[in-house]
Amino acid sequence: MIWNLIVLLVIGLVAGLIARAVIPGKQDLSIVATIVLGVIGSLVGNLLGGLLSGRGFELGTAGWIGSIVGAIIVLGAYVAVTGRRRNLVR
């Protein structure tokens, strides 16, 4: 059980860091937020992978590639939402 949690956190960290490197611009995210980004990205990657393969939705996490792709999608959406909000304030 604890091993699965450690692996999930490591995959989340790596996927989040790669997503932050791929998406242009400055993202003000802490290391914890980067891990959360990767974990949510893994869930999104699992959902998309299941829908594309015809398995349907199964709760779980994706592999490395799915986690990275999901994290990129989640971070892109985050930057799009927060970027617009920052421009409206100015």
PDB file of N, CA and C in Angstrom:
ATOM      1  N   MET A   1       0.818  -1.191   0.000  1.00  0.00           N
ATOM      2  CA  MET A   1       0.000   0.000   0.000  1.00  0.00           C
ATOM      3  C   MET A   1       0.863   1.257   0.000  1.00  0.00           C
ATOM      4  N   ILE A   2       1.821   1.334   0.912  1.00  0.00           N
ATOM      5  CA  ILE A   2       2.671   2.515   0.989  1.00  0.00           C
ATOM      6  C   ILE A   2       3.557   2.618  -0.257  1.00  0.00           C
ATOM      7  N   TRP A   3       3.965   1.462  -0.800  1.00  0.00           N
ATOM      8  CA  TRP A   3       4.784   1.459  -2.001  1.00  0.00           C
ATOM      9  C   TRP A   3       4.009   2.051  -3.181  1.00  0.00           C
ATOM     10  N   ASN A   4       2.732   1.717  -3.301  1.00  0.00           N
ATOM     11  CA  ASN A   4       1.904   2.267  -4.376  1.00  0.00           C
ATOM     12  C   ASN A   4       1.782   3.786  -4.256  1.00  0.00           C
ATOM     13  N   LEU A   5       1.658   4.283  -3.035  1.00  0.00           N
ATOM     14  CA  LEU A   5       1.561   5.721  -2.820  1.00  0.00           C
ATOM     15  C   LEU A   5       2.868   6.418  -3.201  1.00  0.00           C
ATOM     16  N   ILE A   6       3.986   5.822  -2.847  1.00  0.00           N
ATOM     17  CA  ILE A   6       5.292   6.396  -3.202  1.00  0.00           C
ATOM     18  C   ILE A   6       5.466   6.430  -4.708  1.00  0.00           C
ATOM     19  N   VAL A   7       5.114   5.348  -5.383  1.00  0.00           N
ATOM     20  CA  VAL A   7       5.222   5.299  -6.844  1.00  0.00           C
ATOM     21  C   VAL A   7       4.305   6.345  -7.479  1.00  0.00           C
ATOM     22  N   LEU A   8       3.090   6.484  -6.965  1.00  0.00           N
ATOM     23  CA  LEU A   8       2.155   7.484  -7.485  1.00  0.00           C
ATOM     24  C   LEU A   8       2.729   8.891  -7.341  1.00  0.00           C
ATOM     25  N   LEU A   9       3.330   9.195  -6.202  1.00  0.00           N
ATOM     26  CA  LEU A   9       3.915  10.512  -5.985  1.00  0.00           C
ATOM     27  C   LEU A   9       5.114  10.762  -6.893  1.00  0.00           C
ATOM     28  N   VAL A  10       5.942   9.750  -7.100  1.00  0.00           N
ATOM     29  CA  VAL A  10       7.104   9.906  -7.981  1.00  0.00           C
ATOM     30  C   VAL A  10       6.646  10.109  -9.430  1.00  0.00           C
ATOM     31  N   ILE A  11       5.691   9.310  -9.883  1.00  0.00           N
ATOM     32  CA  ILE A  11       5.165   9.476 -11.241  1.00  0.00           C
ATOM     33  C   ILE A  11       4.512  10.852 -11.371  1.00  0.00           C
ATOM     34  N   GLY A  12       3.775  11.281 -10.352  1.00  0.00           N
ATOM     35  CA  GLY A  12       3.159  12.604 -10.379  1.00  0.00           C
ATOM     36  C   GLY A  12       4.189  13.710 -10.466  1.00  0.00           C
ATOM     37  N   LEU A  13       5.275  13.591  -9.710  1.00  0.00           N
ATOM     38  CA  LEU A  13       6.327  14.602  -9.741  1.00  0.00           C
ATOM     39  C   LEU A  13       6.984  14.663 -11.113  1.00  0.00           C
ATOM     40  N   VAL A  14       7.361  13.521 -11.655  1.00  0.00           N
ATOM     41  CA  VAL A  14       8.036  13.499 -12.956  1.00  0.00           C
ATOM     42  C   VAL A  14       7.108  14.003 -14.057  1.00  0.00           C
ATOM     43  N   ALA A  15       5.858  13.534 -14.067  1.00  0.00           N
ATOM     44  CA  ALA A  15       4.906  13.976 -15.091  1.00  0.00           C
ATOM     45  C   ALA A  15       4.640  15.472 -14.968  1.00  0.00           C
ATOM     46  N   GLY A  16       4.515  15.978 -13.752  1.00  0.00           N
ATOM     47  CA  GLY A  16       4.296  17.406 -13.541  1.00  0.00           C
ATOM     48  C   GLY A  16       5.477  18.242 -13.992  1.00  0.00           C
ATOM     49  N   LEU A  17       6.689  17.789 -13.692  1.00  0.00           N
ATOM     50  CA  LEU A  17       7.881  18.517 -14.123  1.00  0.00           C
ATOM     51  C   LEU A  17       8.010  18.537 -15.643  1.00  0.00           C
ATOM     52  N   ILE A  18       7.731  17.416 -16.282  1.00  0.00           N
ATOM     53  CA  ILE A  18       7.805  17.372 -17.746  1.00  0.00           C
ATOM     54  C   ILE A  18       6.737  18.272 -18.357  1.00  0.00           C
ATOM     55  N   ALA A  19       5.535  18.255 -17.799  1.00  0.00           N
ATOM     56  CA  ALA A  19       4.463  19.119 -18.308  1.00  0.00           C
ATOM     57  C   ALA A  19       4.848  20.588 -18.156  1.00  0.00           C
ATOM     58  N   ARG A  20       5.451  20.948 -17.024  1.00  0.00           N
ATOM     59  CA  ARG A  20       5.874  22.335 -16.821  1.00  0.00           C
ATOM     60  C   ARG A  20       6.978  22.728 -17.795  1.00  0.00           C
ATOM     61  N   ALA A  21       7.813  21.774 -18.190  1.00  0.00           N
ATOM     62  CA  ALA A  21       8.869  22.064 -19.154  1.00  0.00           C
ATOM     63  C   ALA A  21       8.314  22.223 -20.569  1.00  0.00           C
ATOM     64  N   VAL A  22       7.232  21.512 -20.873  1.00  0.00           N
ATOM     65  CA  VAL A  22       6.662  21.534 -22.222  1.00  0.00           C
ATOM     66  C   VAL A  22       5.792  22.772 -22.445  1.00  0.00           C
ATOM     67  N   ILE A  23       4.985  23.129 -21.453  1.00  0.00           N
ATOM     68  CA  ILE A  23       4.070  24.270 -21.582  1.00  0.00           C
ATOM     69  C   ILE A  23       4.882  25.558 -21.430  1.00  0.00           C
ATOM     70  N   PRO A  24       4.807  26.466 -22.418  1.00  0.00           N
ATOM     71  CA  PRO A  24       5.589  27.703 -22.315  1.00  0.00           C
ATOM     72  C   PRO A  24       5.021  28.650 -21.266  1.00  0.00           C
ATOM     73  N   GLY A  25       5.872  29.531 -20.800  1.00  0.00           N
ATOM     74  CA  GLY A  25       5.452  30.523 -19.822  1.00  0.00           C
ATOM     75  C   GLY A  25       5.870  30.127 -18.425  1.00  0.00           C
ATOM     76  N   LYS A  26       5.655  31.048 -17.509  1.00  0.00           N
ATOM     77  CA  LYS A  26       6.022  30.818 -16.116  1.00  0.00           C
ATOM     78  C   LYS A  26       4.791  30.358 -15.353  1.00  0.00           C
ATOM     79  N   GLN A  27       4.885  29.203 -14.740  1.00  0.00           N
ATOM     80  CA  GLN A  27       3.808  28.709 -13.891  1.00  0.00           C
ATOM     81  C   GLN A  27       4.277  28.817 -12.443  1.00  0.00           C
ATOM     82  N   ASP A  28       3.508  29.510 -11.646  1.00  0.00           N
ATOM     83  CA  ASP A  28       3.851  29.677 -10.233  1.00  0.00           C
ATOM     84  C   ASP A  28       3.295  28.504  -9.436  1.00  0.00           C
ATOM     85  N   LEU A  29       3.984  27.360  -9.527  1.00  0.00           N
ATOM     86  CA  LEU A  29       3.538  26.158  -8.834  1.00  0.00           C
ATOM     87  C   LEU A  29       4.629  25.680  -7.885  1.00  0.00           C
ATOM     88  N   SER A  30       4.242  25.320  -6.690  1.00  0.00           N
ATOM     89  CA  SER A  30       5.185  24.740  -5.741  1.00  0.00           C
ATOM     90  C   SER A  30       5.434  23.277  -6.118  1.00  0.00           C
ATOM     91  N   ILE A  31       6.320  22.637  -5.398  1.00  0.00           N
ATOM     92  CA  ILE A  31       6.614  21.230  -5.665  1.00  0.00           C
ATOM     93  C   ILE A  31       5.401  20.362  -5.353  1.00  0.00           C
ATOM     94  N   VAL A  32       4.658  20.724  -4.307  1.00  0.00           N
ATOM     95  CA  VAL A  32       3.452  19.965  -3.968  1.00  0.00           C
ATOM     96  C   VAL A  32       2.404  20.138  -5.062  1.00  0.00           C
ATOM     97  N   ALA A  33       2.241  21.361  -5.569  1.00  0.00           N
ATOM     98  CA  ALA A  33       1.291  21.607  -6.652  1.00  0.00           C
ATOM     99  C   ALA A  33       1.713  20.871  -7.918  1.00  0.00           C
ATOM    100  N   THR A  34       3.017  20.749  -8.148  1.00  0.00           N
ATOM    101  CA  THR A  34       3.510  20.001  -9.305  1.00  0.00           C
ATOM    102  C   THR A  34       3.175  18.521  -9.177  1.00  0.00           C
ATOM    103  N   ILE A  35       3.315  17.974  -7.981  1.00  0.00           N
ATOM    104  CA  ILE A  35       2.963  16.571  -7.743  1.00  0.00           C
ATOM    105  C   ILE A  35       1.461  16.363  -7.949  1.00  0.00           C
ATOM    106  N   VAL A  36       0.657  17.277  -7.398  1.00  0.00           N
ATOM    107  CA  VAL A  36      -0.798  17.184  -7.566  1.00  0.00           C
ATOM    108  C   VAL A  36      -1.161  17.282  -9.044  1.00  0.00           C
ATOM    109  N   LEU A  37      -0.497  18.173  -9.767  1.00  0.00           N
ATOM    110  CA  LEU A  37      -0.706  18.288 -11.216  1.00  0.00           C
ATOM    111  C   LEU A  37      -0.436  16.957 -11.913  1.00  0.00           C
ATOM    112  N   GLY A  38       0.658  16.305 -11.563  1.00  0.00           N
ATOM    113  CA  GLY A  38       0.995  15.024 -12.175  1.00  0.00           C
ATOM    114  C   GLY A  38       0.016  13.922 -11.822  1.00  0.00           C
ATOM    115  N   VAL A  39      -0.450  13.899 -10.584  1.00  0.00           N
ATOM    116  CA  VAL A  39      -1.411  12.870 -10.156  1.00  0.00           C
ATOM    117  C   VAL A  39      -2.747  13.078 -10.870  1.00  0.00           C
ATOM    118  N   ILE A  40      -3.222  14.323 -10.921  1.00  0.00           N
ATOM    119  CA  ILE A  40      -4.467  14.603 -11.648  1.00  0.00           C
ATOM    120  C   ILE A  40      -4.277  14.305 -13.129  1.00  0.00           C
ATOM    121  N   GLY A  41      -3.108  14.636 -13.667  1.00  0.00           N
ATOM    122  CA  GLY A  41      -2.808  14.321 -15.062  1.00  0.00           C
ATOM    123  C   GLY A  41      -2.824  12.823 -15.323  1.00  0.00           C
ATOM    124  N   SER A  42      -2.368  12.047 -14.356  1.00  0.00           N
ATOM    125  CA  SER A  42      -2.404  10.599 -14.499  1.00  0.00           C
ATOM    126  C   SER A  42      -3.832  10.083 -14.557  1.00  0.00           C
ATOM    127  N   LEU A  43      -4.700  10.655 -13.732  1.00  0.00           N
ATOM    128  CA  LEU A  43      -6.112  10.265 -13.773  1.00  0.00           C
ATOM    129  C   LEU A  43      -6.755  10.668 -15.103  1.00  0.00           C
ATOM    130  N   VAL A  44      -6.435  11.865 -15.585  1.00  0.00           N
ATOM    131  CA  VAL A  44      -6.966  12.319 -16.876  1.00  0.00           C
ATOM    132  C   VAL A  44      -6.426  11.440 -18.005  1.00  0.00           C
ATOM    133  N   GLY A  45      -5.136  11.122 -17.945  1.00  0.00           N
ATOM    134  CA  GLY A  45      -4.546  10.244 -18.956  1.00  0.00           C
ATOM    135  C   GLY A  45      -5.182   8.869 -18.964  1.00  0.00           C
ATOM    136  N   ASN A  46      -5.502   8.347 -17.793  1.00  0.00           N
ATOM    137  CA  ASN A  46      -6.177   7.055 -17.685  1.00  0.00           C
ATOM    138  C   ASN A  46      -7.573   7.125 -18.295  1.00  0.00           C
ATOM    139  N   LEU A  47      -8.292   8.203 -18.005  1.00  0.00           N
ATOM    140  CA  LEU A  47      -9.635   8.383 -18.561  1.00  0.00           C
ATOM    141  C   LEU A  47      -9.582   8.459 -20.087  1.00  0.00           C
ATOM    142  N   LEU A  48      -8.687   9.271 -20.623  1.00  0.00           N
ATOM    143  CA  LEU A  48      -8.582   9.405 -22.077  1.00  0.00           C
ATOM    144  C   LEU A  48      -8.129   8.104 -22.735  1.00  0.00           C
ATOM    145  N   GLY A  49      -7.174   7.431 -22.097  1.00  0.00           N
ATOM    146  CA  GLY A  49      -6.707   6.148 -22.633  1.00  0.00           C
ATOM    147  C   GLY A  49      -7.810   5.108 -22.671  1.00  0.00           C
ATOM    148  N   GLY A  50      -8.602   5.066 -21.605  1.00  0.00           N
ATOM    149  CA  GLY A  50      -9.717   4.122 -21.560  1.00  0.00           C
ATOM    150  C   GLY A  50     -10.784   4.433 -22.599  1.00  0.00           C
ATOM    151  N   LEU A  51     -11.073   5.715 -22.785  1.00  0.00           N
ATOM    152  CA  LEU A  51     -12.080   6.097 -23.776  1.00  0.00           C
ATOM    153  C   LEU A  51     -11.604   5.839 -25.201  1.00  0.00           C
ATOM    154  N   LEU A  52     -10.317   6.090 -25.467  1.00  0.00           N
ATOM    155  CA  LEU A  52      -9.786   5.867 -26.817  1.00  0.00           C
ATOM    156  C   LEU A  52      -9.642   4.387 -27.145  1.00  0.00           C
ATOM    157  N   SER A  53      -9.358   3.565 -26.147  1.00  0.00           N
ATOM    158  CA  SER A  53      -9.177   2.138 -26.396  1.00  0.00           C
ATOM    159  C   SER A  53     -10.488   1.360 -26.365  1.00  0.00           C
ATOM    160  N   GLY A  54     -11.562   2.011 -25.921  1.00  0.00           N
ATOM    161  CA  GLY A  54     -12.856   1.344 -25.869  1.00  0.00           C
ATOM    162  C   GLY A  54     -13.123   0.609 -24.575  1.00  0.00           C
ATOM    163  N   ARG A  55     -12.237   0.731 -23.591  1.00  0.00           N
ATOM    164  CA  ARG A  55     -12.441   0.077 -22.297  1.00  0.00           C
ATOM    165  C   ARG A  55     -13.457   0.809 -21.445  1.00  0.00           C
ATOM    166  N   GLY A  56     -13.669   2.078 -21.752  1.00  0.00           N
ATOM    167  CA  GLY A  56     -14.546   2.888 -20.913  1.00  0.00           C
ATOM    168  C   GLY A  56     -13.772   3.455 -19.748  1.00  0.00           C
ATOM    169  N   PHE A  57     -14.476   4.044 -18.814  1.00  0.00           N
ATOM    170  CA  PHE A  57     -13.822   4.676 -17.677  1.00  0.00           C
ATOM    171  C   PHE A  57     -13.553   3.656 -16.590  1.00  0.00           C
ATOM    172  N   GLU A  58     -12.294   3.540 -16.218  1.00  0.00           N
ATOM    173  CA  GLU A  58     -11.886   2.724 -15.087  1.00  0.00           C
ATOM    174  C   GLU A  58     -11.068   3.611 -14.168  1.00  0.00           C
ATOM    175  N   LEU A  59     -11.424   3.655 -12.899  1.00  0.00           N
ATOM    176  CA  LEU A  59     -10.692   4.485 -11.962  1.00  0.00           C
ATOM    177  C   LEU A  59      -9.317   3.885 -11.728  1.00  0.00           C
ATOM    178  N   GLY A  60      -8.314   4.680 -11.923  1.00  0.00           N
ATOM    179  CA  GLY A  60      -6.945   4.241 -11.732  1.00  0.00           C
ATOM    180  C   GLY A  60      -6.004   5.279 -12.306  1.00  0.00           C
ATOM    181  N   THR A  61      -4.754   4.918 -12.384  1.00  0.00           N
ATOM    182  CA  THR A  61      -3.770   5.837 -12.938  1.00  0.00           C
ATOM    183  C   THR A  61      -3.205   5.253 -14.222  1.00  0.00           C
ATOM    184  N   ALA A  62      -2.740   6.141 -15.072  1.00  0.00           N
ATOM    185  CA  ALA A  62      -2.174   5.731 -16.351  1.00  0.00           C
ATOM    186  C   ALA A  62      -0.700   5.401 -16.160  1.00  0.00           C
ATOM    187  N   GLY A  63      -0.075   4.922 -17.216  1.00  0.00           N
ATOM    188  CA  GLY A  63       1.361   4.695 -17.196  1.00  0.00           C
ATOM    189  C   GLY A  63       2.098   6.010 -17.364  1.00  0.00           C
ATOM    190  N   TRP A  64       3.388   5.919 -17.641  1.00  0.00           N
ATOM    191  CA  TRP A  64       4.214   7.117 -17.772  1.00  0.00           C
ATOM    192  C   TRP A  64       3.719   8.041 -18.877  1.00  0.00           C
ATOM    193  N   ILE A  65       3.502   7.489 -20.059  1.00  0.00           N
ATOM    194  CA  ILE A  65       3.103   8.315 -21.207  1.00  0.00           C
ATOM    195  C   ILE A  65       1.735   8.951 -20.952  1.00  0.00           C
ATOM    196  N   GLY A  66       0.783   8.166 -20.496  1.00  0.00           N
ATOM    197  CA  GLY A  66      -0.547   8.693 -20.213  1.00  0.00           C
ATOM    198  C   GLY A  66      -0.516   9.757 -19.131  1.00  0.00           C
ATOM    199  N   SER A  67       0.325   9.574 -18.133  1.00  0.00           N
ATOM    200  CA  SER A  67       0.447  10.557 -17.059  1.00  0.00           C
ATOM    201  C   SER A  67       1.008  11.872 -17.574  1.00  0.00           C
ATOM    202  N   ILE A  68       2.009  11.788 -18.424  1.00  0.00           N
ATOM    203  CA  ILE A  68       2.620  12.998 -18.975  1.00  0.00           C
ATOM    204  C   ILE A  68       1.638  13.734 -19.879  1.00  0.00           C
ATOM    205  N   VAL A  69       0.965  12.993 -20.761  1.00  0.00           N
ATOM    206  CA  VAL A  69      -0.017  13.615 -21.659  1.00  0.00           C
ATOM    207  C   VAL A  69      -1.151  14.242 -20.852  1.00  0.00           C
ATOM    208  N   GLY A  70      -1.643  13.534 -19.862  1.00  0.00           N
ATOM    209  CA  GLY A  70      -2.705  14.077 -19.016  1.00  0.00           C
ATOM    210  C   GLY A  70      -2.256  15.315 -18.250  1.00  0.00           C
ATOM    211  N   ALA A  71      -1.021  15.309 -17.750  1.00  0.00           N
ATOM    212  CA  ALA A  71      -0.501  16.464 -17.017  1.00  0.00           C
ATOM    213  C   ALA A  71      -0.346  17.669 -17.937  1.00  0.00           C
ATOM    214  N   ILE A  72       0.067  17.441 -19.173  1.00  0.00           N
ATOM    215  CA  ILE A  72       0.178  18.532 -20.140  1.00  0.00           C
ATOM    216  C   ILE A  72      -1.199  19.129 -20.413  1.00  0.00           C
ATOM    217  N   ILE A  73      -2.208  18.285 -20.570  1.00  0.00           N
ATOM    218  CA  ILE A  73      -3.575  18.769 -20.808  1.00  0.00           C
ATOM    219  C   ILE A  73      -4.076  19.573 -19.608  1.00  0.00           C
ATOM    220  N   VAL A  74      -3.871  19.044 -18.403  1.00  0.00           N
ATOM    221  CA  VAL A  74      -4.339  19.727 -17.192  1.00  0.00           C
ATOM    222  C   VAL A  74      -3.607  21.055 -17.000  1.00  0.00           C
ATOM    223  N   LEU A  75      -2.294  21.068 -17.191  1.00  0.00           N
ATOM    224  CA  LEU A  75      -1.535  22.302 -17.027  1.00  0.00           C
ATOM    225  C   LEU A  75      -1.913  23.324 -18.098  1.00  0.00           C
ATOM    226  N   GLY A  76      -2.140  22.863 -19.324  1.00  0.00           N
ATOM    227  CA  GLY A  76      -2.584  23.775 -20.384  1.00  0.00           C
ATOM    228  C   GLY A  76      -3.905  24.428 -20.038  1.00  0.00           C
ATOM    229  N   ALA A  77      -4.821  23.663 -19.505  1.00  0.00           N
ATOM    230  CA  ALA A  77      -6.113  24.218 -19.085  1.00  0.00           C
ATOM    231  C   ALA A  77      -5.928  25.185 -17.923  1.00  0.00           C
ATOM    232  N   TYR A  78      -5.056  24.849 -16.989  1.00  0.00           N
ATOM    233  CA  TYR A  78      -4.791  25.725 -15.847  1.00  0.00           C
ATOM    234  C   TYR A  78      -4.213  27.060 -16.299  1.00  0.00           C
ATOM    235  N   VAL A  79      -3.225  27.009 -17.198  1.00  0.00           N
ATOM    236  CA  VAL A  79      -2.603  28.234 -17.695  1.00  0.00           C
ATOM    237  C   VAL A  79      -3.613  29.061 -18.481  1.00  0.00           C
ATOM    238  N   ALA A  80      -4.461  28.411 -19.263  1.00  0.00           N
ATOM    239  CA  ALA A  80      -5.469  29.139 -20.037  1.00  0.00           C
ATOM    240  C   ALA A  80      -6.458  29.849 -19.115  1.00  0.00           C
ATOM    241  N   VAL A  81      -6.883  29.195 -18.058  1.00  0.00           N
ATOM    242  CA  VAL A  81      -7.860  29.796 -17.141  1.00  0.00           C
ATOM    243  C   VAL A  81      -7.224  30.902 -16.310  1.00  0.00           C
ATOM    244  N   THR A  82      -6.069  30.643 -15.718  1.00  0.00           N
ATOM    245  CA  THR A  82      -5.447  31.655 -14.862  1.00  0.00           C
ATOM    246  C   THR A  82      -4.859  32.793 -15.673  1.00  0.00           C
ATOM    247  N   GLY A  83      -4.414  32.531 -16.875  1.00  0.00           N
ATOM    248  CA  GLY A  83      -3.884  33.591 -17.733  1.00  0.00           C
ATOM    249  C   GLY A  83      -4.952  34.588 -18.115  1.00  0.00           C
ATOM    250  N   ARG A  84      -6.129  34.114 -18.427  1.00  0.00           N
ATOM    251  CA  ARG A  84      -7.242  35.000 -18.762  1.00  0.00           C
ATOM    252  C   ARG A  84      -7.672  35.801 -17.553  1.00  0.00           C
ATOM    253  N   ARG A  85      -7.679  35.173 -16.415  1.00  0.00           N
ATOM    254  CA  ARG A  85      -8.109  35.868 -15.198  1.00  0.00           C
ATOM    255  C   ARG A  85      -7.118  36.976 -14.840  1.00  0.00           C
ATOM    256  N   ARG A  86      -5.832  36.725 -15.012  1.00  0.00           N
ATOM    257  CA  ARG A  86      -4.826  37.741 -14.715  1.00  0.00           C
ATOM    258  C   ARG A  86      -4.933  38.923 -15.680  1.00  0.00           C
ATOM    259  N   ASN A  87      -5.240  38.645 -16.960  1.00  0.00           N
ATOM    260  CA  ASN A  87      -5.365  39.725 -17.929  1.00  0.00           C
ATOM    261  C   ASN A  87      -6.601  40.580 -17.656  1.00  0.00           C
ATOM    262  N   LEU A  88      -7.645  40.000 -17.102  1.00  0.00           N
ATOM    263  CA  LEU A  88      -8.855  40.760 -16.806  1.00  0.00           C
ATOM    264  C   LEU A  88      -8.643  41.694 -15.619  1.00  0.00           C
ATOM    265  N   VAL A  89      -7.779  41.329 -14.705  1.00  0.00           N
ATOM    266  CA  VAL A  89      -7.548  42.138 -13.510  1.00  0.00           C
ATOM    267  C   VAL A  89      -6.788  43.398 -13.872  1.00  0.00           C
ATOM    268  N   ARG A  90      -5.880  43.314 -14.794  1.00  0.00           N
ATOM    269  CA  ARG A  90      -5.043  44.472 -15.162  1.00  0.00           C
ATOM    270  C   ARG A  90      -5.798  45.525 -15.826  1.00  0.00           C
TER     271      ARG A  90
END
